[in-house]
Amino acid sequence: KEFSSLKAGDTLEVVGPLGNGFPLGKQK
């Protein structure tokens, strides 16, 4: 709810990127 009030120019602290993402392949 707090994040939803953020507007252009505001700042916040973040950490990332975290975790493992999707492996990319060539299959259908």
PDB file of all heavy atoms in Angstrom:
ATOM      1  N   LYS A   1       0.837  -1.198   0.000  1.00  0.00           N
ATOM      2  CA  LYS A   1       0.000   0.000   0.000  1.00  0.00           C
ATOM      3  C   LYS A   1       0.873   1.249   0.000  1.00  0.00           C
ATOM      4  O   LYS A   1       0.592   2.228  -0.715  1.00  0.00           O
ATOM      5  CB  LYS A   1      -0.913  -0.005   1.231  1.00  0.00           C
ATOM      6  CG  LYS A   1      -1.807   1.230   1.372  1.00  0.00           C
ATOM      7  CD  LYS A   1      -2.814   1.322   0.246  1.00  0.00           C
ATOM      8  CE  LYS A   1      -3.765   2.473   0.462  1.00  0.00           C
ATOM      9  NZ  LYS A   1      -4.704   2.649  -0.685  1.00  0.00           N
ATOM     10  N   GLU A   2       1.954   1.213   0.773  1.00  0.00           N
ATOM     11  CA  GLU A   2       2.885   2.346   0.783  1.00  0.00           C
ATOM     12  C   GLU A   2       3.511   2.540  -0.590  1.00  0.00           C
ATOM     13  O   GLU A   2       3.594   3.668  -1.097  1.00  0.00           O
ATOM     14  CB  GLU A   2       3.989   2.106   1.815  1.00  0.00           C
ATOM     15  CG  GLU A   2       5.067   3.170   1.819  1.00  0.00           C
ATOM     16  CD  GLU A   2       6.285   2.781   2.645  1.00  0.00           C
ATOM     17  OE1 GLU A   2       6.129   2.010   3.617  1.00  0.00           O
ATOM     18  OE2 GLU A   2       7.393   3.236   2.308  1.00  0.00           O
ATOM     19  N   PHE A   3       3.944   1.455  -1.227  1.00  0.00           N
ATOM     20  CA  PHE A   3       4.586   1.561  -2.539  1.00  0.00           C
ATOM     21  C   PHE A   3       3.618   2.142  -3.576  1.00  0.00           C
ATOM     22  O   PHE A   3       4.041   2.831  -4.500  1.00  0.00           O
ATOM     23  CB  PHE A   3       5.097   0.207  -3.005  1.00  0.00           C
ATOM     24  CG  PHE A   3       6.110  -0.428  -2.088  1.00  0.00           C
ATOM     25  CD1 PHE A   3       6.160  -1.799  -1.940  1.00  0.00           C
ATOM     26  CD2 PHE A   3       7.005   0.346  -1.375  1.00  0.00           C
ATOM     27  CE1 PHE A   3       7.094  -2.401  -1.100  1.00  0.00           C
ATOM     28  CE2 PHE A   3       7.943  -0.237  -0.523  1.00  0.00           C
ATOM     29  CZ  PHE A   3       7.981  -1.617  -0.383  1.00  0.00           C
ATOM     30  N   SER A   4       2.332   1.857  -3.429  1.00  0.00           N
ATOM     31  CA  SER A   4       1.355   2.316  -4.416  1.00  0.00           C
ATOM     32  C   SER A   4       1.207   3.839  -4.416  1.00  0.00           C
ATOM     33  O   SER A   4       0.653   4.400  -5.360  1.00  0.00           O
ATOM     34  CB  SER A   4      -0.005   1.660  -4.169  1.00  0.00           C
ATOM     35  OG  SER A   4      -0.621   2.172  -2.991  1.00  0.00           O
ATOM     36  N   SER A   5       1.705   4.504  -3.383  1.00  0.00           N
ATOM     37  CA  SER A   5       1.613   5.969  -3.313  1.00  0.00           C
ATOM     38  C   SER A   5       2.841   6.652  -3.913  1.00  0.00           C
ATOM     39  O   SER A   5       2.890   7.888  -3.979  1.00  0.00           O
ATOM     40  CB  SER A   5       1.437   6.420  -1.859  1.00  0.00           C
ATOM     41  OG  SER A   5       2.605   6.142  -1.097  1.00  0.00           O
ATOM     42  N   LEU A   6       3.835   5.870  -4.351  1.00  0.00           N
ATOM     43  CA  LEU A   6       5.050   6.458  -4.912  1.00  0.00           C
ATOM     44  C   LEU A   6       4.750   7.160  -6.229  1.00  0.00           C
ATOM     45  O   LEU A   6       3.952   6.704  -7.038  1.00  0.00           O
ATOM     46  CB  LEU A   6       6.102   5.371  -5.140  1.00  0.00           C
ATOM     47  CG  LEU A   6       6.692   4.718  -3.879  1.00  0.00           C
ATOM     48  CD1 LEU A   6       7.501   3.485  -4.257  1.00  0.00           C
ATOM     49  CD2 LEU A   6       7.556   5.715  -3.116  1.00  0.00           C
ATOM     50  N   LYS A   7       5.467   8.277  -6.441  1.00  0.00           N
ATOM     51  CA  LYS A   7       5.292   9.056  -7.662  1.00  0.00           C
ATOM     52  C   LYS A   7       6.650   9.316  -8.301  1.00  0.00           C
ATOM     53  O   LYS A   7       7.694   9.126  -7.673  1.00  0.00           O
ATOM     54  CB  LYS A   7       4.590  10.380  -7.353  1.00  0.00           C
ATOM     55  CG  LYS A   7       3.163  10.214  -6.837  1.00  0.00           C
ATOM     56  CD  LYS A   7       2.540  11.559  -6.503  1.00  0.00           C
ATOM     57  CE  LYS A   7       1.069  11.400  -6.123  1.00  0.00           C
ATOM     58  NZ  LYS A   7       0.891  10.496  -4.973  1.00  0.00           N
ATOM     59  N   ALA A   8       6.625   9.736  -9.563  1.00  0.00           N
ATOM     60  CA  ALA A   8       7.862  10.035 -10.284  1.00  0.00           C
ATOM     61  C   ALA A   8       8.724  10.993  -9.478  1.00  0.00           C
ATOM     62  O   ALA A   8       8.230  12.006  -8.972  1.00  0.00           O
ATOM     63  CB  ALA A   8       7.540  10.628 -11.651  1.00  0.00           C
ATOM     64  N   GLY A   9      10.011  10.649  -9.334  1.00  0.00           N
ATOM     65  CA  GLY A   9      10.946  11.451  -8.564  1.00  0.00           C
ATOM     66  C   GLY A   9      11.185  10.936  -7.164  1.00  0.00           C
ATOM     67  O   GLY A   9      12.194  11.281  -6.533  1.00  0.00           O
ATOM     68  N   ASP A  10      10.266  10.118  -6.630  1.00  0.00           N
ATOM     69  CA  ASP A  10      10.465   9.516  -5.307  1.00  0.00           C
ATOM     70  C   ASP A  10      11.580   8.478  -5.365  1.00  0.00           C
ATOM     71  O   ASP A  10      11.922   7.958  -6.434  1.00  0.00           O
ATOM     72  CB  ASP A  10       9.179   8.849  -4.815  1.00  0.00           C
ATOM     73  CG  ASP A  10       8.095   9.844  -4.451  1.00  0.00           C
ATOM     74  OD1 ASP A  10       8.429  11.025  -4.253  1.00  0.00           O
ATOM     75  OD2 ASP A  10       6.917   9.440  -4.380  1.00  0.00           O
ATOM     76  N   THR A  11      12.144   8.151  -4.209  1.00  0.00           N
ATOM     77  CA  THR A  11      13.201   7.143  -4.139  1.00  0.00           C
ATOM     78  C   THR A  11      12.814   6.053  -3.144  1.00  0.00           C
ATOM     79  O   THR A  11      11.974   6.266  -2.260  1.00  0.00           O
ATOM     80  CB  THR A  11      14.543   7.763  -3.716  1.00  0.00           C
ATOM     81  OG1 THR A  11      14.398   8.362  -2.411  1.00  0.00           O
ATOM     82  CG2 THR A  11      15.005   8.808  -4.712  1.00  0.00           C
ATOM     83  N   LEU A  12      13.441   4.901  -3.299  1.00  0.00           N
ATOM     84  CA  LEU A  12      13.279   3.825  -2.326  1.00  0.00           C
ATOM     85  C   LEU A  12      14.484   2.911  -2.380  1.00  0.00           C
ATOM     86  O   LEU A  12      15.237   2.889  -3.363  1.00  0.00           O
ATOM     87  CB  LEU A  12      11.988   3.038  -2.560  1.00  0.00           C
ATOM     88  CG  LEU A  12      11.886   2.097  -3.759  1.00  0.00           C
ATOM     89  CD1 LEU A  12      10.761   1.094  -3.533  1.00  0.00           C
ATOM     90  CD2 LEU A  12      11.593   2.891  -5.034  1.00  0.00           C
ATOM     91  N   GLU A  13      14.670   2.171  -1.290  1.00  0.00           N
ATOM     92  CA  GLU A  13      15.791   1.237  -1.177  1.00  0.00           C
ATOM     93  C   GLU A  13      15.360  -0.126  -1.702  1.00  0.00           C
ATOM     94  O   GLU A  13      14.308  -0.645  -1.325  1.00  0.00           O
ATOM     95  CB  GLU A  13      16.231   1.102   0.280  1.00  0.00           C
ATOM     96  CG  GLU A  13      16.849   2.355   0.882  1.00  0.00           C
ATOM     97  CD  GLU A  13      18.213   2.668   0.291  1.00  0.00           C
ATOM     98  OE1 GLU A  13      19.016   1.718   0.122  1.00  0.00           O
ATOM     99  OE2 GLU A  13      18.462   3.843  -0.009  1.00  0.00           O
ATOM    100  N   VAL A  14      16.204  -0.720  -2.558  1.00  0.00           N
ATOM    101  CA  VAL A  14      15.918  -2.050  -3.079  1.00  0.00           C
ATOM    102  C   VAL A  14      17.195  -2.877  -3.088  1.00  0.00           C
ATOM    103  O   VAL A  14      18.313  -2.353  -3.108  1.00  0.00           O
ATOM    104  CB  VAL A  14      15.322  -2.004  -4.504  1.00  0.00           C
ATOM    105  CG1 VAL A  14      14.118  -1.084  -4.573  1.00  0.00           C
ATOM    106  CG2 VAL A  14      16.362  -1.585  -5.519  1.00  0.00           C
ATOM    107  N   VAL A  15      17.019  -4.196  -3.083  1.00  0.00           N
ATOM    108  CA  VAL A  15      18.122  -5.143  -3.268  1.00  0.00           C
ATOM    109  C   VAL A  15      17.750  -6.064  -4.414  1.00  0.00           C
ATOM    110  O   VAL A  15      16.611  -6.534  -4.500  1.00  0.00           O
ATOM    111  CB  VAL A  15      18.387  -5.965  -1.992  1.00  0.00           C
ATOM    112  CG1 VAL A  15      19.425  -7.055  -2.260  1.00  0.00           C
ATOM    113  CG2 VAL A  15      18.857  -5.065  -0.860  1.00  0.00           C
ATOM    114  N   GLY A  16      18.708  -6.337  -5.280  1.00  0.00           N
ATOM    115  CA  GLY A  16      18.426  -7.249  -6.385  1.00  0.00           C
ATOM    116  C   GLY A  16      19.546  -7.240  -7.413  1.00  0.00           C
ATOM    117  O   GLY A  16      20.527  -6.515  -7.245  1.00  0.00           O
ATOM    118  N   PRO A  17      19.416  -7.988  -8.489  1.00  0.00           N
ATOM    119  CA  PRO A  17      18.344  -8.950  -8.695  1.00  0.00           C
ATOM    120  C   PRO A  17      18.563 -10.182  -7.826  1.00  0.00           C
ATOM    121  O   PRO A  17      19.703 -10.595  -7.594  1.00  0.00           O
ATOM    122  CB  PRO A  17      18.454  -9.288 -10.183  1.00  0.00           C
ATOM    123  CG  PRO A  17      19.906  -9.097 -10.492  1.00  0.00           C
ATOM    124  CD  PRO A  17      20.367  -7.963  -9.625  1.00  0.00           C
ATOM    125  N   LEU A  18      17.487 -10.775  -7.339  1.00  0.00           N
ATOM    126  CA  LEU A  18      17.554 -11.910  -6.431  1.00  0.00           C
ATOM    127  C   LEU A  18      16.945 -13.158  -7.056  1.00  0.00           C
ATOM    128  O   LEU A  18      16.058 -13.080  -7.916  1.00  0.00           O
ATOM    129  CB  LEU A  18      16.821 -11.582  -5.128  1.00  0.00           C
ATOM    130  CG  LEU A  18      17.399 -10.417  -4.316  1.00  0.00           C
ATOM    131  CD1 LEU A  18      16.468 -10.052  -3.166  1.00  0.00           C
ATOM    132  CD2 LEU A  18      18.790 -10.762  -3.788  1.00  0.00           C
ATOM    133  N   GLY A  19      17.418 -14.313  -6.599  1.00  0.00           N
ATOM    134  CA  GLY A  19      16.891 -15.585  -7.058  1.00  0.00           C
ATOM    135  C   GLY A  19      17.404 -15.989  -8.423  1.00  0.00           C
ATOM    136  O   GLY A  19      18.199 -15.288  -9.056  1.00  0.00           O
ATOM    137  N   ASN A  20      16.955 -17.145  -8.854  1.00  0.00           N
ATOM    138  CA  ASN A  20      17.315 -17.673 -10.161  1.00  0.00           C
ATOM    139  C   ASN A  20      16.150 -17.500 -11.121  1.00  0.00           C
ATOM    140  O   ASN A  20      14.998 -17.784 -10.787  1.00  0.00           O
ATOM    141  CB  ASN A  20      17.675 -19.162 -10.055  1.00  0.00           C
ATOM    142  CG  ASN A  20      18.942 -19.368  -9.253  1.00  0.00           C
ATOM    143  OD1 ASN A  20      19.993 -18.853  -9.605  1.00  0.00           O
ATOM    144  ND2 ASN A  20      18.850 -20.106  -8.163  1.00  0.00           N
ATOM    145  N   GLY A  21      16.450 -17.021 -12.319  1.00  0.00           N
ATOM    146  CA  GLY A  21      15.413 -16.777 -13.301  1.00  0.00           C
ATOM    147  C   GLY A  21      15.119 -17.993 -14.160  1.00  0.00           C
ATOM    148  O   GLY A  21      15.586 -19.109 -13.901  1.00  0.00           O
ATOM    149  N   PHE A  22      14.329 -17.789 -15.207  1.00  0.00           N
ATOM    150  CA  PHE A  22      13.968 -18.859 -16.124  1.00  0.00           C
ATOM    151  C   PHE A  22      15.126 -19.159 -17.082  1.00  0.00           C
ATOM    152  O   PHE A  22      15.705 -18.234 -17.653  1.00  0.00           O
ATOM    153  CB  PHE A  22      12.745 -18.454 -16.961  1.00  0.00           C
ATOM    154  CG  PHE A  22      11.464 -18.404 -16.193  1.00  0.00           C
ATOM    155  CD1 PHE A  22      10.931 -17.188 -15.793  1.00  0.00           C
ATOM    156  CD2 PHE A  22      10.776 -19.563 -15.892  1.00  0.00           C
ATOM    157  CE1 PHE A  22       9.728 -17.128 -15.108  1.00  0.00           C
ATOM    158  CE2 PHE A  22       9.577 -19.521 -15.193  1.00  0.00           C
ATOM    159  CZ  PHE A  22       9.054 -18.300 -14.796  1.00  0.00           C
ATOM    160  N   PRO A  23      15.457 -20.433 -17.298  1.00  0.00           N
ATOM    161  CA  PRO A  23      16.446 -20.770 -18.321  1.00  0.00           C
ATOM    162  C   PRO A  23      15.839 -20.584 -19.701  1.00  0.00           C
ATOM    163  O   PRO A  23      14.673 -20.915 -19.926  1.00  0.00           O
ATOM    164  CB  PRO A  23      16.756 -22.246 -18.033  1.00  0.00           C
ATOM    165  CG  PRO A  23      15.537 -22.770 -17.368  1.00  0.00           C
ATOM    166  CD  PRO A  23      14.960 -21.622 -16.586  1.00  0.00           C
ATOM    167  N   LEU A  24      16.594 -20.043 -20.625  1.00  0.00           N
ATOM    168  CA  LEU A  24      16.101 -19.764 -21.963  1.00  0.00           C
ATOM    169  C   LEU A  24      16.517 -20.879 -22.915  1.00  0.00           C
ATOM    170  O   LEU A  24      17.670 -21.305 -22.922  1.00  0.00           O
ATOM    171  CB  LEU A  24      16.644 -18.424 -22.465  1.00  0.00           C
ATOM    172  CG  LEU A  24      16.357 -17.214 -21.569  1.00  0.00           C
ATOM    173  CD1 LEU A  24      16.951 -15.952 -22.189  1.00  0.00           C
ATOM    174  CD2 LEU A  24      14.873 -17.042 -21.325  1.00  0.00           C
ATOM    175  N   GLY A  25      15.573 -21.357 -23.708  1.00  0.00           N
ATOM    176  CA  GLY A  25      15.855 -22.416 -24.670  1.00  0.00           C
ATOM    177  C   GLY A  25      15.267 -22.089 -26.022  1.00  0.00           C
ATOM    178  O   GLY A  25      14.715 -21.017 -26.253  1.00  0.00           O
ATOM    179  N   LYS A  26      15.349 -23.037 -26.935  1.00  0.00           N
ATOM    180  CA  LYS A  26      14.865 -22.852 -28.298  1.00  0.00           C
ATOM    181  C   LYS A  26      13.656 -23.729 -28.609  1.00  0.00           C
ATOM    182  O   LYS A  26      13.136 -23.712 -29.718  1.00  0.00           O
ATOM    183  CB  LYS A  26      15.992 -23.193 -29.283  1.00  0.00           C
ATOM    184  CG  LYS A  26      17.224 -22.308 -29.172  1.00  0.00           C
ATOM    185  CD  LYS A  26      16.945 -20.890 -29.638  1.00  0.00           C
ATOM    186  CE  LYS A  26      18.226 -20.050 -29.649  1.00  0.00           C
ATOM    187  NZ  LYS A  26      17.960 -18.659 -30.114  1.00  0.00           N
ATOM    188  N   GLN A  27      13.193 -24.514 -27.629  1.00  0.00           N
ATOM    189  CA  GLN A  27      12.085 -25.417 -27.873  1.00  0.00           C
ATOM    190  C   GLN A  27      10.752 -24.670 -27.896  1.00  0.00           C
ATOM    191  O   GLN A  27      10.612 -23.592 -27.315  1.00  0.00           O
ATOM    192  CB  GLN A  27      12.042 -26.492 -26.787  1.00  0.00           C
ATOM    193  CG  GLN A  27      13.245 -27.430 -26.782  1.00  0.00           C
ATOM    194  CD  GLN A  27      13.174 -28.403 -25.619  1.00  0.00           C
ATOM    195  OE1 GLN A  27      13.166 -28.012 -24.463  1.00  0.00           O
ATOM    196  NE2 GLN A  27      13.114 -29.689 -25.946  1.00  0.00           N
ATOM    197  N   LYS A  28       9.773 -25.277 -28.548  1.00  0.00           N
ATOM    198  CA  LYS A  28       8.417 -24.713 -28.587  1.00  0.00           C
ATOM    199  C   LYS A  28       7.891 -24.600 -27.166  1.00  0.00           C
ATOM    200  O   LYS A  28       7.890 -25.574 -26.414  1.00  0.00           O
ATOM    201  CB  LYS A  28       7.508 -25.603 -29.422  1.00  0.00           C
ATOM    202  CG  LYS A  28       6.099 -25.072 -29.576  1.00  0.00           C
ATOM    203  CD  LYS A  28       5.261 -26.000 -30.450  1.00  0.00           C
ATOM    204  CE  LYS A  28       3.838 -25.475 -30.610  1.00  0.00           C
ATOM    205  NZ  LYS A  28       3.017 -26.397 -31.452  1.00  0.00           N
TER     206      LYS A  28
END
